Amino acid sequence: MQRRQFLAAVAGTGLAGFANALEPSRLWLAQAATRSPDVIFVPTPNRVVDRMLEMVKVTAQDLVYDLGSGDGRIVITAAKRYGARGVGVDIDPERIKEATANAKAAGVAGKVKFIQGDLFETDISAATVVTLYLLTSLNLKLKPKLLKDLKPGTRVVSHAFDMGDWKPEKEDYVDGSNVYLWRVPPRTA
């Protein structure tokens, strides 16, 4: 419900009007919070994680966003091995709890955080590296957001799935999986 609609619904109706106007908002929030994941959680094998981070040349200056972060292994590895900061985004609250516990156990809880949220709605503009293990259809749906929200030069790396006509800068094959690297191009006028 838009703020203007909400205020119009409440205007002149007292507390009963306020409660009635609020109820649809509660329903919407409950639905948004319980949207199911777009893919099932399948962890990226550690050798593939290593190759993904090598391909994007992660450094301590990077802020790595993992969209659909699952157990947190990609941002945890980036923090532990390279000193990078990391943000994992996952819609599943159980994955967020697991990833947070894993970061604490790995000793990098001060360098990484995990956000329960929709990867299509999350602000990713601060990222210098984005990692993905989604389906090609989801990568294609996410591509306009990546190109719009990320700064030119930001590296994007995907395990197994490509981005259609956005040709990768580099491609590798590790333990039966493709790994793709793109760089956000300069903006055109």
N, C-alpha and C. Protein backbone atom coordinates (compact mmCIF):
# COMPACT_ATOMS: atom_id res chain seq x y z
N MET A 1 0.85 -1.17 0.00
CA MET A 1 0.00 0.00 0.00
C MET A 1 0.90 1.23 0.00
N GLN A 2 0.67 2.16 -0.90
CA GLN A 2 1.42 3.39 -0.96
C GLN A 2 1.09 4.26 0.24
N ARG A 3 2.02 5.09 0.65
CA ARG A 3 1.81 5.96 1.81
C ARG A 3 0.58 6.84 1.64
N ARG A 4 0.41 7.41 0.45
CA ARG A 4 -0.73 8.30 0.18
C ARG A 4 -2.05 7.54 0.32
N GLN A 5 -2.10 6.31 -0.22
CA GLN A 5 -3.30 5.49 -0.09
C GLN A 5 -3.58 5.15 1.36
N PHE A 6 -2.52 4.85 2.09
CA PHE A 6 -2.65 4.51 3.50
C PHE A 6 -3.23 5.69 4.27
N LEU A 7 -2.67 6.88 4.05
CA LEU A 7 -3.16 8.07 4.76
C LEU A 7 -4.60 8.38 4.38
N ALA A 8 -4.94 8.21 3.12
CA ALA A 8 -6.32 8.46 2.68
C ALA A 8 -7.28 7.48 3.34
N ALA A 9 -6.86 6.23 3.47
CA ALA A 9 -7.72 5.22 4.09
C ALA A 9 -7.93 5.49 5.57
N VAL A 10 -6.93 6.06 6.21
CA VAL A 10 -7.01 6.31 7.65
C VAL A 10 -7.72 7.62 7.97
N ALA A 11 -7.61 8.60 7.09
CA ALA A 11 -8.11 9.95 7.37
C ALA A 11 -9.57 9.93 7.83
N GLY A 12 -9.78 10.51 8.99
CA GLY A 12 -11.13 10.68 9.53
C GLY A 12 -11.80 9.41 10.01
N THR A 13 -11.08 8.31 10.15
CA THR A 13 -11.73 7.06 10.54
C THR A 13 -11.34 6.59 11.93
N GLY A 14 -10.46 7.31 12.61
CA GLY A 14 -10.08 6.91 13.97
C GLY A 14 -9.26 5.63 13.96
N LEU A 15 -9.18 4.99 15.13
CA LEU A 15 -8.36 3.79 15.29
C LEU A 15 -8.85 2.61 14.45
N ALA A 16 -10.15 2.48 14.30
CA ALA A 16 -10.68 1.36 13.50
C ALA A 16 -10.20 1.48 12.05
N GLY A 17 -10.24 2.68 11.49
CA GLY A 17 -9.75 2.89 10.13
C GLY A 17 -8.27 2.61 10.02
N PHE A 18 -7.52 3.00 11.05
CA PHE A 18 -6.09 2.75 11.07
C PHE A 18 -5.81 1.25 11.03
N ALA A 19 -6.51 0.49 11.87
CA ALA A 19 -6.32 -0.96 11.92
C ALA A 19 -6.69 -1.61 10.59
N ASN A 20 -7.80 -1.18 9.99
CA ASN A 20 -8.22 -1.74 8.71
C ASN A 20 -7.22 -1.41 7.60
N ALA A 21 -6.70 -0.21 7.62
CA ALA A 21 -5.74 0.19 6.59
C ALA A 21 -4.41 -0.55 6.76
N LEU A 22 -4.05 -0.83 8.00
CA LEU A 22 -2.78 -1.49 8.27
C LEU A 22 -2.80 -2.97 7.88
N GLU A 23 -3.94 -3.61 8.01
CA GLU A 23 -4.01 -5.06 7.77
C GLU A 23 -3.50 -5.48 6.39
N PRO A 24 -3.88 -4.82 5.29
CA PRO A 24 -3.32 -5.23 4.00
C PRO A 24 -1.80 -5.07 3.96
N SER A 25 -1.26 -4.07 4.64
CA SER A 25 0.19 -3.88 4.68
C SER A 25 0.85 -5.05 5.39
N ARG A 26 0.26 -5.51 6.48
CA ARG A 26 0.80 -6.66 7.20
C ARG A 26 0.80 -7.89 6.31
N LEU A 27 -0.28 -8.08 5.59
CA LEU A 27 -0.38 -9.24 4.69
C LEU A 27 0.71 -9.17 3.64
N TRP A 28 0.92 -7.99 3.04
CA TRP A 28 1.94 -7.84 2.02
C TRP A 28 3.32 -8.13 2.59
N LEU A 29 3.62 -7.60 3.80
CA LEU A 29 4.91 -7.85 4.42
C LEU A 29 5.11 -9.33 4.70
N ALA A 30 4.07 -10.00 5.16
CA ALA A 30 4.18 -11.43 5.44
C ALA A 30 4.45 -12.21 4.15
N GLN A 31 3.79 -11.83 3.06
CA GLN A 31 4.02 -12.52 1.79
C GLN A 31 5.42 -12.27 1.28
N ALA A 32 5.90 -11.02 1.40
CA ALA A 32 7.24 -10.70 0.92
C ALA A 32 8.28 -11.46 1.72
N ALA A 33 8.07 -11.57 3.03
CA ALA A 33 9.05 -12.22 3.89
C ALA A 33 9.07 -13.73 3.68
N THR A 34 7.99 -14.30 3.17
CA THR A 34 7.92 -15.75 3.04
C THR A 34 8.03 -16.23 1.59
N ARG A 35 8.42 -15.35 0.68
CA ARG A 35 8.61 -15.77 -0.71
C ARG A 35 9.63 -16.89 -0.72
N SER A 36 9.35 -17.91 -1.48
CA SER A 36 10.25 -19.06 -1.48
C SER A 36 11.46 -18.77 -2.36
N PRO A 37 12.57 -19.46 -2.10
CA PRO A 37 13.76 -19.29 -2.92
C PRO A 37 13.49 -19.66 -4.38
N ASP A 38 14.24 -19.03 -5.29
CA ASP A 38 14.11 -19.30 -6.72
C ASP A 38 14.81 -20.59 -7.12
N VAL A 39 15.79 -21.01 -6.33
CA VAL A 39 16.55 -22.24 -6.60
C VAL A 39 16.76 -22.97 -5.28
N ILE A 40 16.98 -24.27 -5.36
CA ILE A 40 17.31 -25.00 -4.14
C ILE A 40 18.78 -24.74 -3.80
N PHE A 41 19.11 -24.86 -2.53
CA PHE A 41 20.48 -24.63 -2.11
C PHE A 41 21.35 -25.83 -2.46
N VAL A 42 22.33 -25.57 -3.29
CA VAL A 42 23.36 -26.56 -3.61
C VAL A 42 24.68 -25.81 -3.44
N PRO A 43 25.52 -26.22 -2.49
CA PRO A 43 26.75 -25.47 -2.26
C PRO A 43 27.72 -25.56 -3.44
N THR A 44 28.41 -24.47 -3.68
CA THR A 44 29.47 -24.45 -4.68
C THR A 44 30.65 -25.24 -4.12
N PRO A 45 31.17 -26.21 -4.87
CA PRO A 45 32.33 -26.96 -4.39
C PRO A 45 33.51 -26.02 -4.07
N ASN A 46 34.28 -26.35 -3.06
CA ASN A 46 35.36 -25.48 -2.61
C ASN A 46 36.39 -25.18 -3.70
N ARG A 47 36.71 -26.16 -4.54
CA ARG A 47 37.66 -25.89 -5.64
C ARG A 47 37.09 -24.89 -6.64
N VAL A 48 35.79 -24.91 -6.84
CA VAL A 48 35.15 -23.94 -7.73
C VAL A 48 35.15 -22.56 -7.06
N VAL A 49 34.86 -22.51 -5.77
CA VAL A 49 34.94 -21.24 -5.01
C VAL A 49 36.33 -20.64 -5.20
N ASP A 50 37.35 -21.46 -4.98
CA ASP A 50 38.73 -20.98 -5.11
C ASP A 50 38.98 -20.40 -6.50
N ARG A 51 38.53 -21.10 -7.53
CA ARG A 51 38.76 -20.63 -8.91
C ARG A 51 37.99 -19.36 -9.20
N MET A 52 36.75 -19.27 -8.70
CA MET A 52 35.96 -18.06 -8.90
C MET A 52 36.69 -16.84 -8.33
N LEU A 53 37.19 -16.98 -7.12
CA LEU A 53 37.87 -15.86 -6.46
C LEU A 53 39.21 -15.55 -7.12
N GLU A 54 39.90 -16.57 -7.63
CA GLU A 54 41.14 -16.35 -8.38
C GLU A 54 40.86 -15.60 -9.68
N MET A 55 39.78 -16.00 -10.38
CA MET A 55 39.47 -15.38 -11.68
C MET A 55 39.16 -13.90 -11.54
N VAL A 56 38.50 -13.52 -10.45
CA VAL A 56 38.15 -12.10 -10.27
C VAL A 56 39.26 -11.33 -9.57
N LYS A 57 40.33 -12.05 -9.19
CA LYS A 57 41.49 -11.44 -8.55
C LYS A 57 41.09 -10.64 -7.31
N VAL A 58 40.41 -11.30 -6.40
CA VAL A 58 39.96 -10.66 -5.16
C VAL A 58 41.16 -10.19 -4.35
N THR A 59 41.03 -8.99 -3.78
CA THR A 59 42.06 -8.43 -2.90
C THR A 59 41.39 -7.94 -1.61
N ALA A 60 42.22 -7.48 -0.69
CA ALA A 60 41.73 -6.94 0.58
C ALA A 60 40.92 -5.66 0.37
N GLN A 61 41.03 -5.03 -0.78
CA GLN A 61 40.27 -3.80 -1.04
C GLN A 61 38.86 -4.10 -1.57
N ASP A 62 38.57 -5.34 -1.86
CA ASP A 62 37.28 -5.68 -2.47
C ASP A 62 36.16 -5.84 -1.45
N LEU A 63 34.95 -5.55 -1.94
CA LEU A 63 33.71 -5.85 -1.23
C LEU A 63 32.96 -6.84 -2.11
N VAL A 64 32.94 -8.10 -1.67
CA VAL A 64 32.37 -9.20 -2.44
C VAL A 64 30.93 -9.43 -2.01
N TYR A 65 30.00 -9.36 -2.95
CA TYR A 65 28.60 -9.69 -2.70
C TYR A 65 28.33 -11.05 -3.33
N ASP A 66 27.77 -11.96 -2.54
CA ASP A 66 27.36 -13.26 -3.07
C ASP A 66 25.84 -13.28 -3.06
N LEU A 67 25.23 -13.32 -4.23
CA LEU A 67 23.77 -13.28 -4.36
C LEU A 67 23.24 -14.71 -4.40
N GLY A 68 22.51 -15.07 -3.36
CA GLY A 68 22.10 -16.45 -3.15
C GLY A 68 23.22 -17.16 -2.40
N SER A 69 23.61 -16.61 -1.27
CA SER A 69 24.86 -16.98 -0.59
C SER A 69 24.84 -18.30 0.16
N GLY A 70 23.69 -18.89 0.36
CA GLY A 70 23.64 -20.20 1.00
C GLY A 70 24.37 -20.24 2.32
N ASP A 71 25.34 -21.15 2.44
CA ASP A 71 26.06 -21.32 3.70
C ASP A 71 27.17 -20.30 3.90
N GLY A 72 27.35 -19.38 2.96
CA GLY A 72 28.30 -18.28 3.12
C GLY A 72 29.71 -18.58 2.69
N ARG A 73 29.95 -19.74 2.13
CA ARG A 73 31.33 -20.16 1.87
C ARG A 73 32.11 -19.25 0.94
N ILE A 74 31.46 -18.58 -0.02
CA ILE A 74 32.22 -17.74 -0.95
C ILE A 74 32.73 -16.48 -0.26
N VAL A 75 31.87 -15.74 0.44
CA VAL A 75 32.35 -14.53 1.11
C VAL A 75 33.25 -14.86 2.28
N ILE A 76 33.01 -15.98 2.95
CA ILE A 76 33.89 -16.40 4.04
C ILE A 76 35.29 -16.70 3.51
N THR A 77 35.37 -17.41 2.39
CA THR A 77 36.67 -17.71 1.77
C THR A 77 37.35 -16.43 1.31
N ALA A 78 36.60 -15.51 0.72
CA ALA A 78 37.18 -14.23 0.26
C ALA A 78 37.76 -13.45 1.44
N ALA A 79 37.08 -13.48 2.57
CA ALA A 79 37.56 -12.76 3.76
C ALA A 79 38.77 -13.45 4.37
N LYS A 80 38.68 -14.75 4.50
CA LYS A 80 39.73 -15.52 5.18
C LYS A 80 41.02 -15.57 4.35
N ARG A 81 40.89 -15.84 3.07
CA ARG A 81 42.07 -16.03 2.23
C ARG A 81 42.65 -14.72 1.69
N TYR A 82 41.77 -13.75 1.37
CA TYR A 82 42.24 -12.53 0.69
C TYR A 82 42.08 -11.26 1.53
N GLY A 83 41.41 -11.36 2.66
CA GLY A 83 41.20 -10.17 3.50
C GLY A 83 40.09 -9.26 3.01
N ALA A 84 39.32 -9.73 2.03
CA ALA A 84 38.21 -8.92 1.49
C ALA A 84 37.07 -8.84 2.51
N ARG A 85 36.23 -7.84 2.34
CA ARG A 85 34.97 -7.78 3.09
C ARG A 85 33.92 -8.45 2.23
N GLY A 86 32.86 -8.95 2.86
CA GLY A 86 31.85 -9.65 2.08
C GLY A 86 30.45 -9.47 2.62
N VAL A 87 29.50 -9.57 1.71
CA VAL A 87 28.07 -9.53 2.05
C VAL A 87 27.40 -10.68 1.31
N GLY A 88 26.72 -11.53 2.06
CA GLY A 88 25.95 -12.60 1.47
C GLY A 88 24.48 -12.25 1.54
N VAL A 89 23.76 -12.49 0.46
CA VAL A 89 22.32 -12.22 0.41
C VAL A 89 21.61 -13.52 0.11
N ASP A 90 20.66 -13.88 0.96
CA ASP A 90 19.88 -15.09 0.74
C ASP A 90 18.48 -14.86 1.29
N ILE A 91 17.50 -15.41 0.64
CA ILE A 91 16.11 -15.23 1.05
C ILE A 91 15.70 -16.19 2.18
N ASP A 92 16.48 -17.25 2.37
CA ASP A 92 16.15 -18.29 3.33
C ASP A 92 16.75 -17.98 4.70
N PRO A 93 15.93 -17.77 5.72
CA PRO A 93 16.47 -17.43 7.05
C PRO A 93 17.35 -18.53 7.63
N GLU A 94 17.11 -19.77 7.29
CA GLU A 94 17.96 -20.86 7.78
C GLU A 94 19.37 -20.76 7.20
N ARG A 95 19.47 -20.38 5.93
CA ARG A 95 20.79 -20.21 5.32
C ARG A 95 21.53 -19.04 5.98
N ILE A 96 20.81 -17.98 6.32
CA ILE A 96 21.43 -16.82 6.97
C ILE A 96 21.99 -17.23 8.33
N LYS A 97 21.23 -17.98 9.10
CA LYS A 97 21.71 -18.46 10.41
C LYS A 97 22.95 -19.33 10.23
N GLU A 98 22.89 -20.24 9.28
CA GLU A 98 24.02 -21.15 9.03
C GLU A 98 25.26 -20.36 8.60
N ALA A 99 25.09 -19.43 7.67
CA ALA A 99 26.22 -18.65 7.17
C ALA A 99 26.83 -17.79 8.27
N THR A 100 26.00 -17.20 9.10
CA THR A 100 26.49 -16.38 10.21
C THR A 100 27.31 -17.22 11.18
N ALA A 101 26.82 -18.42 11.50
CA ALA A 101 27.56 -19.33 12.37
C ALA A 101 28.87 -19.76 11.72
N ASN A 102 28.85 -20.02 10.41
CA ASN A 102 30.06 -20.42 9.69
C ASN A 102 31.11 -19.31 9.70
N ALA A 103 30.66 -18.05 9.54
CA ALA A 103 31.59 -16.91 9.55
C ALA A 103 32.24 -16.77 10.93
N LYS A 104 31.44 -16.95 11.96
CA LYS A 104 31.97 -16.87 13.33
C LYS A 104 33.00 -17.98 13.55
N ALA A 105 32.66 -19.20 13.14
CA ALA A 105 33.57 -20.33 13.30
C ALA A 105 34.87 -20.14 12.52
N ALA A 106 34.80 -19.46 11.38
CA ALA A 106 35.98 -19.22 10.54
C ALA A 106 36.79 -18.02 11.01
N GLY A 107 36.26 -17.28 11.99
CA GLY A 107 36.97 -16.13 12.52
C GLY A 107 36.89 -14.88 11.67
N VAL A 108 35.88 -14.80 10.80
CA VAL A 108 35.76 -13.63 9.91
C VAL A 108 34.44 -12.88 10.10
N ALA A 109 33.79 -13.09 11.24
CA ALA A 109 32.49 -12.44 11.48
C ALA A 109 32.58 -10.91 11.41
N GLY A 110 33.74 -10.36 11.69
CA GLY A 110 33.92 -8.91 11.60
C GLY A 110 34.12 -8.40 10.19
N LYS A 111 34.34 -9.28 9.24
CA LYS A 111 34.58 -8.88 7.85
C LYS A 111 33.42 -9.18 6.91
N VAL A 112 32.49 -10.04 7.36
CA VAL A 112 31.37 -10.42 6.50
C VAL A 112 30.05 -10.25 7.24
N LYS A 113 29.01 -10.05 6.46
CA LYS A 113 27.67 -10.05 7.04
C LYS A 113 26.73 -10.72 6.06
N PHE A 114 25.62 -11.19 6.61
CA PHE A 114 24.63 -11.89 5.80
C PHE A 114 23.29 -11.21 5.97
N ILE A 115 22.63 -10.97 4.84
CA ILE A 115 21.36 -10.26 4.80
C ILE A 115 20.29 -11.20 4.28
N GLN A 116 19.22 -11.32 5.05
CA GLN A 116 18.07 -12.06 4.54
C GLN A 116 17.30 -11.10 3.64
N GLY A 117 17.25 -11.40 2.36
CA GLY A 117 16.58 -10.52 1.44
C GLY A 117 16.50 -11.11 0.05
N ASP A 118 15.79 -10.40 -0.78
CA ASP A 118 15.57 -10.78 -2.17
C ASP A 118 16.72 -10.21 -3.00
N LEU A 119 17.47 -11.04 -3.66
CA LEU A 119 18.63 -10.58 -4.42
C LEU A 119 18.26 -9.62 -5.54
N PHE A 120 17.01 -9.66 -5.98
CA PHE A 120 16.57 -8.74 -7.03
C PHE A 120 16.24 -7.35 -6.48
N GLU A 121 16.09 -7.24 -5.15
CA GLU A 121 15.71 -5.99 -4.51
C GLU A 121 16.84 -5.37 -3.69
N THR A 122 17.86 -6.14 -3.35
CA THR A 122 18.93 -5.69 -2.47
C THR A 122 19.83 -4.67 -3.17
N ASP A 123 20.25 -3.66 -2.42
CA ASP A 123 21.19 -2.66 -2.93
C ASP A 123 22.57 -3.30 -3.02
N ILE A 124 23.07 -3.45 -4.21
CA ILE A 124 24.39 -4.08 -4.43
C ILE A 124 25.40 -3.07 -4.98
N SER A 125 25.06 -1.80 -4.99
CA SER A 125 25.86 -0.79 -5.68
C SER A 125 27.27 -0.63 -5.11
N ALA A 126 27.52 -1.02 -3.86
CA ALA A 126 28.84 -0.88 -3.26
C ALA A 126 29.78 -2.02 -3.64
N ALA A 127 29.27 -3.07 -4.25
CA ALA A 127 30.08 -4.25 -4.57
C ALA A 127 31.17 -3.91 -5.59
N THR A 128 32.34 -4.53 -5.39
CA THR A 128 33.39 -4.49 -6.41
C THR A 128 33.49 -5.84 -7.11
N VAL A 129 32.92 -6.87 -6.45
CA VAL A 129 32.83 -8.22 -7.01
C VAL A 129 31.46 -8.77 -6.66
N VAL A 130 30.82 -9.43 -7.62
CA VAL A 130 29.55 -10.12 -7.37
C VAL A 130 29.73 -11.58 -7.80
N THR A 131 29.33 -12.50 -6.92
CA THR A 131 29.40 -13.92 -7.24
C THR A 131 28.00 -14.50 -7.32
N LEU A 132 27.82 -15.48 -8.22
CA LEU A 132 26.52 -16.07 -8.47
C LEU A 132 26.63 -17.58 -8.64
N TYR A 133 25.61 -18.27 -8.15
CA TYR A 133 25.40 -19.68 -8.52
C TYR A 133 23.89 -19.84 -8.61
N LEU A 134 23.36 -19.33 -9.70
CA LEU A 134 21.93 -19.34 -9.96
C LEU A 134 21.71 -20.09 -11.27
N LEU A 135 20.52 -20.07 -11.79
CA LEU A 135 20.24 -20.63 -13.11
C LEU A 135 20.45 -19.56 -14.17
N THR A 136 20.67 -19.96 -15.42
CA THR A 136 20.81 -18.99 -16.50
C THR A 136 19.59 -18.07 -16.55
N SER A 137 18.39 -18.60 -16.38
CA SER A 137 17.18 -17.76 -16.43
C SER A 137 17.21 -16.68 -15.35
N LEU A 138 17.73 -17.00 -14.17
CA LEU A 138 17.82 -16.01 -13.09
C LEU A 138 18.95 -15.02 -13.37
N ASN A 139 20.07 -15.51 -13.91
CA ASN A 139 21.15 -14.60 -14.29
C ASN A 139 20.64 -13.58 -15.31
N LEU A 140 19.86 -14.05 -16.29
CA LEU A 140 19.32 -13.14 -17.31
C LEU A 140 18.36 -12.13 -16.70
N LYS A 141 17.58 -12.56 -15.73
CA LYS A 141 16.67 -11.65 -15.03
C LYS A 141 17.45 -10.64 -14.19
N LEU A 142 18.58 -11.05 -13.65
CA LEU A 142 19.41 -10.21 -12.80
C LEU A 142 20.32 -9.28 -13.60
N LYS A 143 20.63 -9.64 -14.82
CA LYS A 143 21.58 -8.89 -15.65
C LYS A 143 21.27 -7.39 -15.74
N PRO A 144 20.03 -6.96 -16.00
CA PRO A 144 19.77 -5.51 -16.06
C PRO A 144 20.11 -4.80 -14.75
N LYS A 145 19.85 -5.44 -13.62
CA LYS A 145 20.19 -4.85 -12.32
C LYS A 145 21.70 -4.72 -12.17
N LEU A 146 22.43 -5.76 -12.56
CA LEU A 146 23.88 -5.73 -12.46
C LEU A 146 24.44 -4.57 -13.29
N LEU A 147 23.97 -4.45 -14.53
CA LEU A 147 24.48 -3.42 -15.44
C LEU A 147 24.08 -2.01 -14.99
N LYS A 148 22.93 -1.90 -14.35
CA LYS A 148 22.44 -0.58 -13.90
C LYS A 148 23.04 -0.17 -12.57
N ASP A 149 23.10 -1.10 -11.62
CA ASP A 149 23.46 -0.76 -10.24
C ASP A 149 24.95 -0.80 -9.95
N LEU A 150 25.70 -1.60 -10.68
CA LEU A 150 27.13 -1.75 -10.38
C LEU A 150 27.96 -0.74 -11.15
N LYS A 151 29.05 -0.32 -10.53
CA LYS A 151 29.96 0.62 -11.17
C LYS A 151 30.70 -0.08 -12.32
N PRO A 152 31.02 0.66 -13.38
CA PRO A 152 31.84 0.08 -14.45
C PRO A 152 33.13 -0.50 -13.86
N GLY A 153 33.51 -1.65 -14.36
CA GLY A 153 34.70 -2.32 -13.88
C GLY A 153 34.43 -3.36 -12.81
N THR A 154 33.24 -3.35 -12.22
CA THR A 154 32.90 -4.35 -11.22
C THR A 154 32.94 -5.73 -11.88
N ARG A 155 33.55 -6.69 -11.17
CA ARG A 155 33.67 -8.04 -11.71
C ARG A 155 32.49 -8.89 -11.24
N VAL A 156 31.98 -9.68 -12.15
CA VAL A 156 30.87 -10.60 -11.87
C VAL A 156 31.34 -11.99 -12.28
N VAL A 157 31.20 -12.96 -11.37
CA VAL A 157 31.63 -14.31 -11.65
C VAL A 157 30.49 -15.27 -11.32
N SER A 158 30.27 -16.22 -12.21
CA SER A 158 29.17 -17.17 -12.05
C SER A 158 29.67 -18.60 -12.14
N HIS A 159 29.18 -19.40 -11.25
CA HIS A 159 29.44 -20.84 -11.27
C HIS A 159 28.37 -21.50 -12.12
N ALA A 160 28.76 -22.16 -13.17
CA ALA A 160 27.93 -23.05 -14.00
C ALA A 160 27.03 -22.37 -15.01
N PHE A 161 26.51 -21.19 -14.73
CA PHE A 161 25.47 -20.61 -15.61
C PHE A 161 25.92 -19.29 -16.20
N ASP A 162 25.63 -19.11 -17.50
CA ASP A 162 26.07 -17.91 -18.22
C ASP A 162 25.01 -16.82 -18.21
N MET A 163 25.22 -15.80 -19.05
CA MET A 163 24.31 -14.65 -19.13
C MET A 163 23.86 -14.42 -20.56
N GLY A 164 23.61 -15.50 -21.28
CA GLY A 164 23.07 -15.36 -22.63
C GLY A 164 24.02 -14.60 -23.55
N ASP A 165 23.55 -13.48 -24.11
CA ASP A 165 24.35 -12.75 -25.09
C ASP A 165 25.42 -11.86 -24.47
N TRP A 166 25.48 -11.75 -23.14
CA TRP A 166 26.58 -11.03 -22.50
C TRP A 166 27.74 -12.02 -22.42
N LYS A 167 28.66 -11.88 -23.36
CA LYS A 167 29.76 -12.82 -23.47
C LYS A 167 30.77 -12.60 -22.35
N PRO A 168 31.24 -13.68 -21.73
CA PRO A 168 32.19 -13.53 -20.63
C PRO A 168 33.56 -13.07 -21.13
N GLU A 169 34.25 -12.34 -20.27
CA GLU A 169 35.62 -11.92 -20.53
C GLU A 169 36.56 -13.13 -20.46
N LYS A 170 36.19 -14.05 -19.56
CA LYS A 170 37.01 -15.24 -19.35
C LYS A 170 36.09 -16.38 -18.95
N GLU A 171 36.50 -17.59 -19.32
CA GLU A 171 35.73 -18.79 -19.01
C GLU A 171 36.72 -19.88 -18.61
N ASP A 172 36.36 -20.68 -17.61
CA ASP A 172 37.23 -21.76 -17.18
C ASP A 172 36.36 -22.97 -16.85
N TYR A 173 37.01 -24.09 -16.66
CA TYR A 173 36.31 -25.34 -16.37
C TYR A 173 37.02 -25.98 -15.19
N VAL A 174 36.28 -26.21 -14.09
CA VAL A 174 36.88 -26.76 -12.87
C VAL A 174 36.01 -27.90 -12.36
N ASP A 175 36.58 -29.07 -12.24
CA ASP A 175 35.88 -30.22 -11.67
C ASP A 175 34.47 -30.41 -12.24
N GLY A 176 34.35 -30.30 -13.55
CA GLY A 176 33.06 -30.53 -14.19
C GLY A 176 32.14 -29.32 -14.22
N SER A 177 32.61 -28.16 -13.79
CA SER A 177 31.77 -26.95 -13.77
C SER A 177 32.41 -25.83 -14.56
N ASN A 178 31.58 -25.10 -15.29
CA ASN A 178 32.03 -23.87 -15.94
C ASN A 178 32.07 -22.75 -14.91
N VAL A 179 33.02 -21.85 -15.11
CA VAL A 179 33.11 -20.62 -14.32
C VAL A 179 33.25 -19.49 -15.33
N TYR A 180 32.40 -18.47 -15.20
CA TYR A 180 32.36 -17.36 -16.14
C TYR A 180 32.70 -16.05 -15.42
N LEU A 181 33.47 -15.19 -16.09
CA LEU A 181 33.83 -13.88 -15.56
C LEU A 181 33.41 -12.79 -16.53
N TRP A 182 32.70 -11.79 -16.00
CA TRP A 182 32.34 -10.59 -16.76
C TRP A 182 32.85 -9.38 -16.01
N ARG A 183 32.95 -8.27 -16.71
CA ARG A 183 33.28 -6.99 -16.11
C ARG A 183 32.20 -6.00 -16.57
N VAL A 184 31.63 -5.26 -15.64
CA VAL A 184 30.59 -4.29 -16.01
C VAL A 184 31.23 -3.26 -16.93
N PRO A 185 30.67 -3.06 -18.12
CA PRO A 185 31.27 -2.15 -19.09
C PRO A 185 31.05 -0.67 -18.73
N PRO A 186 31.83 0.21 -19.36
CA PRO A 186 31.61 1.65 -19.14
C PRO A 186 30.20 2.03 -19.57
N ARG A 187 29.66 3.05 -18.93
CA ARG A 187 28.33 3.54 -19.29
C ARG A 187 28.41 4.29 -20.62
N THR A 188 27.38 4.12 -21.44
CA THR A 188 27.31 4.86 -22.69
C THR A 188 26.25 5.93 -22.57
N ALA A 189 26.48 7.03 -23.28
CA ALA A 189 25.54 8.17 -23.19
C ALA A 189 24.27 7.90 -23.94
